Structure formats: structure tokens, C-alpha cells
Amino acid sequence: MNFFIRLKYALLMSFLALLEIGPIPIAPIIGLFIIIFLPSWFKDAVDRMYHSNDSRKK
């Protein structure tokens, strides 16, 4: 499951990198949104990634 979570976010980051080619920078806007509002979906995604890493080390 850890591989699929990482793959999903890697594909998302690749898509955002393609959008960066345009005149409007997308990543800093999303980063500011995450820093200011800390949406629950972001915290859940981070918790899932770190939880899957912890279970692999045991």
C-alpha cells in the first residue's frame, strides 16, 4: 500500500510540475494554502505515509 500512496503523490507532483510551465506558478499557491489552512486531507495523507513507513520498520 505504501508504494501506491507514494506513486499517487509522485504523479500528482509531476502533473503540478507540468502546470508550472505556464505563466502562473501553481505550487507556491497550493503550498501557501496548505500552510495557512492545514486542510484535513493533507494531514491525513501525511499520517498515512508516515504510518506505512513505521509499520515497515517493525
C-alpha atoms as a PDB file:
ATOM      1  CA  MET A   1       0.000   0.000   0.000  1.00  0.00           C
ATOM      2  CA  ASN A   2       2.871   2.338   0.741  1.00  0.00           C
ATOM      3  CA  PHE A   3       4.053   2.085  -2.874  1.00  0.00           C
ATOM      4  CA  PHE A   4       0.662   3.104  -4.263  1.00  0.00           C
ATOM      5  CA  ILE A   5       0.390   6.110  -1.939  1.00  0.00           C
ATOM      6  CA  ARG A   6       3.840   7.292  -3.000  1.00  0.00           C
ATOM      7  CA  LEU A   7       3.037   6.655  -6.657  1.00  0.00           C
ATOM      8  CA  LYS A   8      -0.171   8.669  -6.417  1.00  0.00           C
ATOM      9  CA  TYR A   9       1.589  11.665  -4.903  1.00  0.00           C
ATOM     10  CA  ALA A  10       4.511  11.381  -7.327  1.00  0.00           C
ATOM     11  CA  LEU A  11       2.067  11.520 -10.236  1.00  0.00           C
ATOM     12  CA  LEU A  12       0.328  14.494  -8.656  1.00  0.00           C
ATOM     13  CA  MET A  13       3.640  16.332  -8.252  1.00  0.00           C
ATOM     14  CA  SER A  14       4.550  15.518 -11.861  1.00  0.00           C
ATOM     15  CA  PHE A  15       1.245  16.966 -13.014  1.00  0.00           C
ATOM     16  CA  LEU A  16       1.880  20.116 -10.968  1.00  0.00           C
ATOM     17  CA  ALA A  17       5.358  20.388 -12.497  1.00  0.00           C
ATOM     18  CA  LEU A  18       3.782  20.341 -15.958  1.00  0.00           C
ATOM     19  CA  LEU A  19       1.406  23.117 -14.925  1.00  0.00           C
ATOM     20  CA  GLU A  20       4.384  25.186 -13.748  1.00  0.00           C
ATOM     21  CA  ILE A  21       5.418  25.623 -17.378  1.00  0.00           C
ATOM     22  CA  GLY A  22       2.570  28.113 -17.776  1.00  0.00           C
ATOM     23  CA  PRO A  23       2.730  31.745 -16.691  1.00  0.00           C
ATOM     24  CA  ILE A  24       1.041  31.212 -13.285  1.00  0.00           C
ATOM     25  CA  PRO A  25       3.036  29.386 -10.590  1.00  0.00           C
ATOM     26  CA  ILE A  26       0.730  26.744  -9.116  1.00  0.00           C
ATOM     27  CA  ALA A  27       2.913  25.018  -6.471  1.00  0.00           C
ATOM     28  CA  PRO A  28       3.541  28.124  -4.312  1.00  0.00           C
ATOM     29  CA  ILE A  29      -0.181  28.900  -4.273  1.00  0.00           C
ATOM     30  CA  ILE A  30      -1.008  25.349  -3.150  1.00  0.00           C
ATOM     31  CA  GLY A  31       1.833  25.478  -0.615  1.00  0.00           C
ATOM     32  CA  LEU A  32       0.515  28.711   0.879  1.00  0.00           C
ATOM     33  CA  PHE A  33      -2.978  27.238   1.075  1.00  0.00           C
ATOM     34  CA  ILE A  34      -1.634  24.203   2.946  1.00  0.00           C
ATOM     35  CA  ILE A  35       0.479  26.330   5.309  1.00  0.00           C
ATOM     36  CA  ILE A  36      -2.317  28.775   6.123  1.00  0.00           C
ATOM     37  CA  PHE A  37      -5.326  26.452   6.384  1.00  0.00           C
ATOM     38  CA  LEU A  38      -3.761  22.990   7.055  1.00  0.00           C
ATOM     39  CA  PRO A  39      -6.621  21.063   5.450  1.00  0.00           C
ATOM     40  CA  SER A  40      -7.553  17.718   6.962  1.00  0.00           C
ATOM     41  CA  TRP A  41      -6.864  15.842   3.703  1.00  0.00           C
ATOM     42  CA  PHE A  42      -3.223  16.970   3.830  1.00  0.00           C
ATOM     43  CA  LYS A  43      -2.758  15.865   7.433  1.00  0.00           C
ATOM     44  CA  ASP A  44      -4.428  12.524   6.655  1.00  0.00           C
ATOM     45  CA  ALA A  45      -2.122  11.993   3.670  1.00  0.00           C
ATOM     46  CA  VAL A  46       0.986  12.722   5.755  1.00  0.00           C
ATOM     47  CA  ASP A  47      -0.239  10.462   8.554  1.00  0.00           C
ATOM     48  CA  ARG A  48      -0.854   7.623   6.073  1.00  0.00           C
ATOM     49  CA  MET A  49       2.615   7.969   4.565  1.00  0.00           C
ATOM     50  CA  TYR A  50       4.386   8.002   7.931  1.00  0.00           C
ATOM     51  CA  HIS A  51       2.191   5.261   9.369  1.00  0.00           C
ATOM     52  CA  SER A  52       3.039   2.966   6.463  1.00  0.00           C
ATOM     53  CA  ASN A  53       6.769   3.697   6.979  1.00  0.00           C
ATOM     54  CA  ASP A  54       6.542   2.882  10.691  1.00  0.00           C
ATOM     55  CA  SER A  55       4.858  -0.460  10.054  1.00  0.00           C
ATOM     56  CA  ARG A  56       7.572  -1.400   7.553  1.00  0.00           C
ATOM     57  CA  LYS A  57      10.397  -0.803  10.063  1.00  0.00           C
ATOM     58  CA  LYS A  58       8.933  -3.128  12.717  1.00  0.00           C
END
